[in-house]
Amino acid sequence: MNVRMLAGIVVAASAGIMAQAASADVKQITPEQVPAKVAAAVKAKWPKAKIKNAAVNTEKDATLYNLDLVETSGKKQKKWGASLTPDGKIDEIQEPVKLSEVPKPVLAALMKRYPAAKNPKVDKVTEGEGKDAKVMYEFRFGTQTRLDAEGKVLDEIEIEIELEEGKED
């Protein structure tokens, strides 16, 4: 996730990517309004995924389709977010992961910086595709901190977590 996207998106526990900053022109659209090339790219990458929510994010000359995706298998549901360009190229994938799935160097760097952090929400963020893909991890526990796969702090922002009946929105 680059600075442009970080300024525009704060991810909720569901991995939805629909909260936006005022600096970007964001328009909610229905899943049926997602362009064919974008929908085809989603189907090719995740054949069983359904588009739950969609938005068009236009900032300067760049347009991205921000999608909340869901895949149901029996009683289990997997939710994640993806941003794609109008031609169907994946810009970013953001998926929740368990703390136990985070690489040890990343956890060590997190605990060194925030020793009192307890049970943060974690998202694995993959920018780009293929061999050029960049993987990082976002942690939310009052401060959203992103570290690369080696444990280097990339950035952090203070966020306000809204609670409803004891659960993060």
N, C-alpha and C. Protein backbone atom coordinates (compact mmCIF):
# COMPACT_ATOMS: atom_id res chain seq x y z
N MET A 1 0.86 -1.17 0.00
CA MET A 1 0.00 0.00 0.00
C MET A 1 0.90 1.22 0.00
N ASN A 2 0.79 2.07 -0.98
CA ASN A 2 1.63 3.24 -1.02
C ASN A 2 1.00 4.39 -0.25
N VAL A 3 1.70 5.50 -0.15
CA VAL A 3 1.22 6.63 0.63
C VAL A 3 -0.13 7.12 0.12
N ARG A 4 -0.32 7.13 -1.20
CA ARG A 4 -1.58 7.58 -1.78
C ARG A 4 -2.74 6.73 -1.26
N MET A 5 -2.55 5.42 -1.21
CA MET A 5 -3.61 4.54 -0.74
C MET A 5 -3.75 4.61 0.77
N LEU A 6 -2.63 4.73 1.49
CA LEU A 6 -2.68 4.79 2.94
C LEU A 6 -3.49 5.99 3.39
N ALA A 7 -3.32 7.11 2.73
CA ALA A 7 -4.08 8.31 3.08
C ALA A 7 -5.56 8.11 2.81
N GLY A 8 -5.88 7.26 1.86
CA GLY A 8 -7.26 7.10 1.45
C GLY A 8 -8.02 5.97 2.09
N ILE A 9 -7.31 5.03 2.71
CA ILE A 9 -8.01 3.84 3.16
C ILE A 9 -7.55 3.40 4.54
N VAL A 10 -8.47 3.21 5.44
CA VAL A 10 -8.20 2.58 6.72
C VAL A 10 -9.08 1.34 6.76
N VAL A 11 -8.49 0.23 7.01
CA VAL A 11 -9.21 -1.03 6.89
C VAL A 11 -9.84 -1.43 8.21
N ALA A 12 -11.09 -1.83 8.16
CA ALA A 12 -11.79 -2.34 9.34
C ALA A 12 -11.44 -3.81 9.50
N ALA A 13 -11.86 -4.39 10.61
CA ALA A 13 -11.50 -5.77 10.91
C ALA A 13 -11.97 -6.74 9.84
N SER A 14 -13.00 -6.42 9.12
CA SER A 14 -13.51 -7.31 8.08
C SER A 14 -12.66 -7.28 6.81
N ALA A 15 -11.64 -6.44 6.81
CA ALA A 15 -10.77 -6.24 5.65
C ALA A 15 -11.47 -5.44 4.56
N GLY A 16 -12.60 -4.83 4.89
CA GLY A 16 -13.25 -3.94 3.94
C GLY A 16 -12.39 -2.72 3.69
N ILE A 17 -12.42 -2.21 2.49
CA ILE A 17 -11.56 -1.08 2.18
C ILE A 17 -12.37 0.09 1.67
N MET A 18 -13.46 0.39 2.35
CA MET A 18 -14.34 1.42 1.84
C MET A 18 -14.26 2.77 2.55
N ALA A 19 -13.48 2.92 3.62
CA ALA A 19 -13.36 4.22 4.29
C ALA A 19 -12.38 5.07 3.50
N GLN A 20 -12.77 6.30 3.16
CA GLN A 20 -11.91 7.09 2.30
C GLN A 20 -11.64 8.47 2.89
N ALA A 21 -10.50 9.05 2.49
CA ALA A 21 -10.16 10.42 2.87
C ALA A 21 -10.81 11.38 1.88
N ALA A 22 -10.98 12.59 2.32
CA ALA A 22 -11.65 13.59 1.49
C ALA A 22 -10.83 13.97 0.26
N SER A 23 -9.53 13.69 0.26
CA SER A 23 -8.68 14.10 -0.86
C SER A 23 -8.94 13.32 -2.14
N ALA A 24 -9.55 12.18 -2.06
CA ALA A 24 -9.81 11.36 -3.24
C ALA A 24 -11.29 11.46 -3.60
N ASP A 25 -11.57 11.29 -4.88
CA ASP A 25 -12.94 11.25 -5.36
C ASP A 25 -13.37 9.79 -5.36
N VAL A 26 -14.22 9.43 -4.41
CA VAL A 26 -14.63 8.04 -4.26
C VAL A 26 -16.13 7.94 -4.49
N LYS A 27 -16.50 6.99 -5.33
CA LYS A 27 -17.91 6.79 -5.64
C LYS A 27 -18.26 5.32 -5.42
N GLN A 28 -19.23 5.07 -4.57
CA GLN A 28 -19.71 3.72 -4.36
C GLN A 28 -20.44 3.27 -5.62
N ILE A 29 -20.22 2.04 -6.01
CA ILE A 29 -20.93 1.46 -7.15
C ILE A 29 -21.43 0.07 -6.73
N THR A 30 -22.34 -0.46 -7.50
CA THR A 30 -22.83 -1.81 -7.22
C THR A 30 -21.85 -2.82 -7.83
N PRO A 31 -21.84 -4.04 -7.34
CA PRO A 31 -20.98 -5.06 -7.95
C PRO A 31 -21.25 -5.23 -9.45
N GLU A 32 -22.49 -5.03 -9.86
CA GLU A 32 -22.85 -5.16 -11.28
C GLU A 32 -22.24 -4.04 -12.13
N GLN A 33 -21.87 -2.93 -11.52
CA GLN A 33 -21.29 -1.80 -12.24
C GLN A 33 -19.77 -1.91 -12.40
N VAL A 34 -19.18 -2.92 -11.80
CA VAL A 34 -17.73 -3.13 -11.94
C VAL A 34 -17.44 -3.47 -13.40
N PRO A 35 -16.46 -2.79 -14.03
CA PRO A 35 -16.16 -3.05 -15.44
C PRO A 35 -15.83 -4.52 -15.70
N ALA A 36 -16.15 -4.98 -16.89
CA ALA A 36 -15.95 -6.38 -17.27
C ALA A 36 -14.50 -6.83 -17.10
N LYS A 37 -13.53 -5.99 -17.46
CA LYS A 37 -12.12 -6.38 -17.32
C LYS A 37 -11.74 -6.58 -15.86
N VAL A 38 -12.28 -5.75 -14.98
CA VAL A 38 -11.99 -5.87 -13.55
C VAL A 38 -12.66 -7.14 -13.01
N ALA A 39 -13.92 -7.34 -13.34
CA ALA A 39 -14.64 -8.54 -12.89
C ALA A 39 -13.97 -9.81 -13.40
N ALA A 40 -13.51 -9.79 -14.65
CA ALA A 40 -12.83 -10.97 -15.23
C ALA A 40 -11.52 -11.25 -14.51
N ALA A 41 -10.79 -10.20 -14.15
CA ALA A 41 -9.53 -10.38 -13.43
C ALA A 41 -9.78 -10.98 -12.04
N VAL A 42 -10.85 -10.53 -11.39
CA VAL A 42 -11.21 -11.10 -10.08
C VAL A 42 -11.55 -12.57 -10.25
N LYS A 43 -12.35 -12.89 -11.25
CA LYS A 43 -12.77 -14.28 -11.49
C LYS A 43 -11.56 -15.17 -11.82
N ALA A 44 -10.60 -14.63 -12.56
CA ALA A 44 -9.41 -15.41 -12.92
C ALA A 44 -8.53 -15.67 -11.69
N LYS A 45 -8.40 -14.69 -10.83
CA LYS A 45 -7.53 -14.82 -9.65
C LYS A 45 -8.23 -15.62 -8.54
N TRP A 46 -9.52 -15.35 -8.32
CA TRP A 46 -10.28 -15.99 -7.25
C TRP A 46 -11.60 -16.51 -7.83
N PRO A 47 -11.60 -17.69 -8.43
CA PRO A 47 -12.79 -18.19 -9.14
C PRO A 47 -14.06 -18.28 -8.29
N LYS A 48 -13.93 -18.50 -6.99
CA LYS A 48 -15.11 -18.66 -6.14
C LYS A 48 -15.53 -17.38 -5.43
N ALA A 49 -14.79 -16.30 -5.63
CA ALA A 49 -15.06 -15.05 -4.92
C ALA A 49 -16.26 -14.31 -5.50
N LYS A 50 -16.97 -13.64 -4.62
CA LYS A 50 -18.08 -12.76 -5.01
C LYS A 50 -17.71 -11.35 -4.59
N ILE A 51 -18.07 -10.38 -5.40
CA ILE A 51 -17.84 -8.98 -5.05
C ILE A 51 -18.99 -8.54 -4.15
N LYS A 52 -18.66 -8.17 -2.92
CA LYS A 52 -19.67 -7.77 -1.94
C LYS A 52 -19.95 -6.27 -2.02
N ASN A 53 -18.89 -5.46 -2.08
CA ASN A 53 -19.00 -4.01 -2.18
C ASN A 53 -17.97 -3.53 -3.19
N ALA A 54 -18.25 -2.38 -3.79
CA ALA A 54 -17.31 -1.83 -4.76
C ALA A 54 -17.34 -0.31 -4.71
N ALA A 55 -16.19 0.28 -5.02
CA ALA A 55 -16.08 1.73 -5.10
C ALA A 55 -15.06 2.07 -6.17
N VAL A 56 -15.25 3.21 -6.80
CA VAL A 56 -14.29 3.73 -7.77
C VAL A 56 -13.56 4.86 -7.06
N ASN A 57 -12.25 4.76 -6.99
CA ASN A 57 -11.42 5.75 -6.33
C ASN A 57 -10.59 6.46 -7.40
N THR A 58 -10.89 7.74 -7.62
CA THR A 58 -10.15 8.52 -8.61
C THR A 58 -9.37 9.60 -7.89
N GLU A 59 -8.07 9.56 -8.06
CA GLU A 59 -7.20 10.55 -7.44
C GLU A 59 -6.19 11.00 -8.48
N LYS A 60 -6.19 12.29 -8.76
CA LYS A 60 -5.37 12.86 -9.84
C LYS A 60 -5.72 12.13 -11.13
N ASP A 61 -4.78 11.46 -11.76
CA ASP A 61 -5.07 10.77 -13.02
C ASP A 61 -5.21 9.26 -12.85
N ALA A 62 -5.22 8.79 -11.61
CA ALA A 62 -5.27 7.34 -11.37
C ALA A 62 -6.67 6.92 -10.93
N THR A 63 -7.14 5.82 -11.47
CA THR A 63 -8.43 5.26 -11.09
C THR A 63 -8.21 3.84 -10.60
N LEU A 64 -8.80 3.53 -9.45
CA LEU A 64 -8.75 2.18 -8.90
C LEU A 64 -10.15 1.74 -8.54
N TYR A 65 -10.41 0.46 -8.70
CA TYR A 65 -11.66 -0.14 -8.25
C TYR A 65 -11.35 -0.88 -6.96
N ASN A 66 -11.90 -0.37 -5.85
CA ASN A 66 -11.70 -0.97 -4.54
C ASN A 66 -12.85 -1.93 -4.29
N LEU A 67 -12.52 -3.19 -4.07
CA LEU A 67 -13.54 -4.23 -3.94
C LEU A 67 -13.43 -4.95 -2.61
N ASP A 68 -14.57 -5.19 -1.99
CA ASP A 68 -14.65 -6.10 -0.85
C ASP A 68 -15.08 -7.43 -1.43
N LEU A 69 -14.29 -8.47 -1.20
CA LEU A 69 -14.56 -9.79 -1.76
C LEU A 69 -14.89 -10.77 -0.65
N VAL A 70 -15.70 -11.76 -0.98
CA VAL A 70 -16.07 -12.79 -0.03
C VAL A 70 -16.15 -14.13 -0.76
N GLU A 71 -15.70 -15.15 -0.06
CA GLU A 71 -15.75 -16.52 -0.59
C GLU A 71 -16.32 -17.40 0.51
N THR A 72 -17.38 -18.11 0.21
CA THR A 72 -18.03 -18.97 1.19
C THR A 72 -17.76 -20.42 0.86
N SER A 73 -17.36 -21.17 1.89
CA SER A 73 -17.12 -22.60 1.76
C SER A 73 -17.75 -23.27 2.97
N GLY A 74 -18.91 -23.86 2.76
CA GLY A 74 -19.64 -24.45 3.88
C GLY A 74 -20.08 -23.35 4.84
N LYS A 75 -19.69 -23.47 6.11
CA LYS A 75 -20.05 -22.46 7.11
C LYS A 75 -18.98 -21.37 7.24
N LYS A 76 -17.85 -21.57 6.58
CA LYS A 76 -16.76 -20.59 6.68
C LYS A 76 -16.87 -19.54 5.59
N GLN A 77 -16.48 -18.33 5.96
CA GLN A 77 -16.48 -17.23 5.02
C GLN A 77 -15.13 -16.53 5.08
N LYS A 78 -14.53 -16.34 3.95
CA LYS A 78 -13.26 -15.62 3.86
C LYS A 78 -13.57 -14.25 3.25
N LYS A 79 -13.09 -13.19 3.90
CA LYS A 79 -13.30 -11.83 3.41
C LYS A 79 -11.95 -11.16 3.22
N TRP A 80 -11.82 -10.41 2.14
CA TRP A 80 -10.60 -9.65 1.90
C TRP A 80 -10.92 -8.52 0.93
N GLY A 81 -9.95 -7.66 0.75
CA GLY A 81 -10.13 -6.53 -0.16
C GLY A 81 -9.10 -6.56 -1.27
N ALA A 82 -9.46 -5.96 -2.39
CA ALA A 82 -8.53 -5.86 -3.51
C ALA A 82 -8.79 -4.55 -4.24
N SER A 83 -7.72 -3.97 -4.75
CA SER A 83 -7.82 -2.78 -5.59
C SER A 83 -7.25 -3.14 -6.95
N LEU A 84 -8.01 -2.84 -7.99
CA LEU A 84 -7.59 -3.16 -9.35
C LEU A 84 -7.69 -1.92 -10.24
N THR A 85 -6.83 -1.88 -11.24
CA THR A 85 -6.89 -0.80 -12.23
C THR A 85 -8.03 -1.09 -13.20
N PRO A 86 -8.44 -0.11 -13.99
CA PRO A 86 -9.53 -0.33 -14.94
C PRO A 86 -9.26 -1.45 -15.95
N ASP A 87 -7.98 -1.73 -16.23
CA ASP A 87 -7.68 -2.81 -17.18
C ASP A 87 -7.54 -4.17 -16.50
N GLY A 88 -7.85 -4.24 -15.19
CA GLY A 88 -7.86 -5.51 -14.47
C GLY A 88 -6.57 -5.89 -13.79
N LYS A 89 -5.59 -5.01 -13.78
CA LYS A 89 -4.32 -5.30 -13.10
C LYS A 89 -4.50 -5.11 -11.59
N ILE A 90 -4.02 -6.07 -10.83
CA ILE A 90 -4.14 -5.99 -9.37
C ILE A 90 -3.13 -4.99 -8.84
N ASP A 91 -3.63 -3.97 -8.16
CA ASP A 91 -2.78 -2.96 -7.53
C ASP A 91 -2.43 -3.40 -6.11
N GLU A 92 -3.43 -3.97 -5.41
CA GLU A 92 -3.22 -4.34 -4.01
C GLU A 92 -4.24 -5.39 -3.58
N ILE A 93 -3.78 -6.27 -2.71
CA ILE A 93 -4.65 -7.25 -2.05
C ILE A 93 -4.45 -7.07 -0.56
N GLN A 94 -5.53 -7.02 0.17
CA GLN A 94 -5.46 -6.85 1.62
C GLN A 94 -6.34 -7.91 2.27
N GLU A 95 -5.68 -8.80 3.04
CA GLU A 95 -6.43 -9.90 3.63
C GLU A 95 -6.08 -10.06 5.11
N PRO A 96 -7.08 -10.32 5.94
CA PRO A 96 -6.80 -10.53 7.35
C PRO A 96 -6.04 -11.84 7.54
N VAL A 97 -5.10 -11.83 8.47
CA VAL A 97 -4.35 -13.03 8.82
C VAL A 97 -4.29 -13.15 10.33
N LYS A 98 -4.04 -14.35 10.79
CA LYS A 98 -3.85 -14.58 12.22
C LYS A 98 -2.46 -14.11 12.61
N LEU A 99 -2.32 -13.68 13.84
CA LEU A 99 -1.03 -13.23 14.34
C LEU A 99 0.01 -14.34 14.19
N SER A 100 -0.41 -15.59 14.33
CA SER A 100 0.52 -16.72 14.19
C SER A 100 1.04 -16.90 12.76
N GLU A 101 0.40 -16.26 11.79
CA GLU A 101 0.83 -16.36 10.39
C GLU A 101 1.83 -15.28 9.99
N VAL A 102 2.09 -14.34 10.89
CA VAL A 102 3.02 -13.24 10.60
C VAL A 102 4.45 -13.74 10.78
N PRO A 103 5.36 -13.42 9.84
CA PRO A 103 6.75 -13.87 9.96
C PRO A 103 7.40 -13.40 11.27
N LYS A 104 8.26 -14.24 11.83
CA LYS A 104 8.89 -13.94 13.12
C LYS A 104 9.65 -12.61 13.14
N PRO A 105 10.41 -12.25 12.10
CA PRO A 105 11.10 -10.95 12.14
C PRO A 105 10.13 -9.77 12.24
N VAL A 106 8.97 -9.90 11.62
CA VAL A 106 7.97 -8.84 11.68
C VAL A 106 7.40 -8.74 13.09
N LEU A 107 7.07 -9.89 13.69
CA LEU A 107 6.56 -9.89 15.06
C LEU A 107 7.58 -9.32 16.04
N ALA A 108 8.84 -9.71 15.86
CA ALA A 108 9.90 -9.21 16.74
C ALA A 108 10.01 -7.69 16.65
N ALA A 109 9.95 -7.16 15.44
CA ALA A 109 10.03 -5.71 15.26
C ALA A 109 8.82 -5.01 15.87
N LEU A 110 7.65 -5.61 15.72
CA LEU A 110 6.44 -5.04 16.29
C LEU A 110 6.53 -5.01 17.81
N MET A 111 6.93 -6.12 18.42
CA MET A 111 7.00 -6.20 19.88
C MET A 111 8.09 -5.28 20.45
N LYS A 112 9.15 -5.08 19.68
CA LYS A 112 10.21 -4.16 20.12
C LYS A 112 9.67 -2.73 20.16
N ARG A 113 8.92 -2.38 19.14
CA ARG A 113 8.39 -1.02 19.04
C ARG A 113 7.19 -0.81 19.96
N TYR A 114 6.35 -1.82 20.10
CA TYR A 114 5.13 -1.74 20.91
C TYR A 114 5.06 -2.93 21.85
N PRO A 115 5.86 -2.95 22.91
CA PRO A 115 5.89 -4.12 23.80
C PRO A 115 4.57 -4.41 24.50
N ALA A 116 3.72 -3.41 24.65
CA ALA A 116 2.45 -3.62 25.34
C ALA A 116 1.31 -3.98 24.40
N ALA A 117 1.60 -4.14 23.12
CA ALA A 117 0.55 -4.45 22.15
C ALA A 117 -0.05 -5.82 22.45
N LYS A 118 -1.35 -5.86 22.55
CA LYS A 118 -2.06 -7.11 22.84
C LYS A 118 -3.05 -7.41 21.72
N ASN A 119 -2.94 -8.57 21.14
CA ASN A 119 -3.89 -9.07 20.15
C ASN A 119 -4.27 -8.06 19.07
N PRO A 120 -3.30 -7.54 18.33
CA PRO A 120 -3.67 -6.60 17.27
C PRO A 120 -4.40 -7.31 16.13
N LYS A 121 -5.21 -6.56 15.42
CA LYS A 121 -5.80 -7.05 14.17
C LYS A 121 -4.69 -6.95 13.13
N VAL A 122 -4.58 -7.95 12.28
CA VAL A 122 -3.48 -7.98 11.31
C VAL A 122 -4.03 -8.20 9.91
N ASP A 123 -3.50 -7.41 8.98
CA ASP A 123 -3.79 -7.60 7.56
C ASP A 123 -2.48 -7.79 6.82
N LYS A 124 -2.46 -8.76 5.93
CA LYS A 124 -1.34 -8.94 5.02
C LYS A 124 -1.69 -8.14 3.76
N VAL A 125 -0.80 -7.25 3.38
CA VAL A 125 -1.03 -6.39 2.23
C VAL A 125 0.00 -6.73 1.16
N THR A 126 -0.49 -7.05 -0.02
CA THR A 126 0.39 -7.35 -1.15
C THR A 126 0.15 -6.31 -2.22
N GLU A 127 1.20 -5.54 -2.51
CA GLU A 127 1.13 -4.54 -3.58
C GLU A 127 1.66 -5.15 -4.86
N GLY A 128 0.93 -5.03 -5.93
CA GLY A 128 1.38 -5.54 -7.22
C GLY A 128 1.18 -7.04 -7.34
N GLU A 129 1.78 -7.59 -8.39
CA GLU A 129 1.63 -9.02 -8.68
C GLU A 129 2.97 -9.63 -9.05
N GLY A 130 3.03 -10.94 -8.99
CA GLY A 130 4.20 -11.69 -9.45
C GLY A 130 5.47 -11.41 -8.68
N LYS A 131 6.60 -11.49 -9.39
CA LYS A 131 7.90 -11.35 -8.72
C LYS A 131 8.14 -9.94 -8.20
N ASP A 132 7.42 -8.95 -8.71
CA ASP A 132 7.59 -7.58 -8.25
C ASP A 132 6.67 -7.23 -7.08
N ALA A 133 5.87 -8.19 -6.63
CA ALA A 133 4.95 -7.93 -5.53
C ALA A 133 5.70 -7.59 -4.25
N LYS A 134 5.14 -6.67 -3.51
CA LYS A 134 5.72 -6.24 -2.23
C LYS A 134 4.73 -6.62 -1.14
N VAL A 135 5.20 -7.37 -0.14
CA VAL A 135 4.34 -7.82 0.95
C VAL A 135 4.66 -7.02 2.21
N MET A 136 3.62 -6.59 2.90
CA MET A 136 3.79 -5.92 4.19
C MET A 136 2.62 -6.31 5.08
N TYR A 137 2.72 -5.94 6.33
CA TYR A 137 1.70 -6.29 7.31
C TYR A 137 1.21 -5.04 8.01
N GLU A 138 -0.10 -4.93 8.18
CA GLU A 138 -0.69 -3.82 8.91
C GLU A 138 -1.22 -4.34 10.24
N PHE A 139 -0.93 -3.60 11.29
CA PHE A 139 -1.37 -3.95 12.63
C PHE A 139 -2.24 -2.81 13.16
N ARG A 140 -3.36 -3.15 13.76
CA ARG A 140 -4.25 -2.13 14.31
C ARG A 140 -4.51 -2.42 15.78
N PHE A 141 -4.16 -1.45 16.59
CA PHE A 141 -4.42 -1.52 18.03
C PHE A 141 -4.41 -0.11 18.59
N GLY A 142 -5.07 0.80 17.93
CA GLY A 142 -5.06 2.21 18.29
C GLY A 142 -4.14 2.99 17.37
N THR A 143 -3.04 2.38 17.00
CA THR A 143 -2.13 2.92 16.00
C THR A 143 -2.04 1.87 14.91
N GLN A 144 -2.15 2.30 13.67
CA GLN A 144 -1.97 1.35 12.57
C GLN A 144 -0.51 1.44 12.15
N THR A 145 0.18 0.32 12.25
CA THR A 145 1.60 0.27 11.92
C THR A 145 1.80 -0.74 10.81
N ARG A 146 2.60 -0.35 9.81
CA ARG A 146 2.89 -1.25 8.70
C ARG A 146 4.37 -1.55 8.69
N LEU A 147 4.70 -2.85 8.58
CA LEU A 147 6.08 -3.30 8.52
C LEU A 147 6.26 -4.14 7.27
N ASP A 148 7.46 -4.09 6.69
CA ASP A 148 7.71 -4.93 5.53
C ASP A 148 8.01 -6.35 6.00
N ALA A 149 8.26 -7.26 5.07
CA ALA A 149 8.44 -8.67 5.40
C ALA A 149 9.69 -8.95 6.22
N GLU A 150 10.60 -7.99 6.32
CA GLU A 150 11.81 -8.16 7.15
C GLU A 150 11.65 -7.52 8.52
N GLY A 151 10.55 -6.82 8.76
CA GLY A 151 10.32 -6.21 10.06
C GLY A 151 10.64 -4.73 10.12
N LYS A 152 10.96 -4.10 9.01
CA LYS A 152 11.25 -2.66 8.98
C LYS A 152 9.94 -1.88 9.00
N VAL A 153 9.85 -0.88 9.89
CA VAL A 153 8.65 -0.05 9.97
C VAL A 153 8.57 0.84 8.74
N LEU A 154 7.47 0.73 8.01
CA LEU A 154 7.26 1.54 6.81
C LEU A 154 6.56 2.85 7.15
N ASP A 155 5.53 2.77 7.96
CA ASP A 155 4.80 3.96 8.38
C ASP A 155 3.83 3.60 9.49
N GLU A 156 3.31 4.63 10.12
CA GLU A 156 2.29 4.41 11.13
C GLU A 156 1.40 5.63 11.19
N ILE A 157 0.14 5.39 11.49
CA ILE A 157 -0.81 6.47 11.64
C ILE A 157 -1.67 6.17 12.85
N GLU A 158 -2.07 7.22 13.53
CA GLU A 158 -3.00 7.06 14.64
C GLU A 158 -4.39 6.90 14.05
N ILE A 159 -5.14 5.94 14.55
CA ILE A 159 -6.50 5.76 14.07
C ILE A 159 -7.44 5.69 15.26
N GLU A 160 -8.66 6.05 15.02
CA GLU A 160 -9.69 5.95 16.04
C GLU A 160 -10.52 4.72 15.73
N ILE A 161 -10.57 3.83 16.68
CA ILE A 161 -11.35 2.61 16.49
C ILE A 161 -12.71 2.81 17.13
N GLU A 162 -13.75 2.66 16.34
CA GLU A 162 -15.10 2.80 16.86
C GLU A 162 -15.60 1.43 17.28
N LEU A 163 -16.16 1.37 18.46
CA LEU A 163 -16.68 0.11 18.96
C LEU A 163 -18.20 0.13 18.95
N GLU A 164 -18.77 -0.99 18.58
CA GLU A 164 -20.21 -1.15 18.63
C GLU A 164 -20.49 -2.50 19.26
N GLU A 165 -21.10 -2.49 20.40
CA GLU A 165 -21.37 -3.71 21.15
C GLU A 165 -20.09 -4.51 21.36
N GLY A 166 -19.00 -3.80 21.65
CA GLY A 166 -17.74 -4.47 21.97
C GLY A 166 -16.96 -4.99 20.80
N LYS A 167 -17.37 -4.68 19.58
CA LYS A 167 -16.66 -5.17 18.39
C LYS A 167 -16.24 -4.00 17.53
N GLU A 168 -15.08 -4.15 16.89
CA GLU A 168 -14.61 -3.12 15.97
C GLU A 168 -15.47 -3.13 14.73
N ASP A 169 -15.83 -1.93 14.23
CA ASP A 169 -16.60 -1.84 12.98
C ASP A 169 -15.78 -2.30 11.82
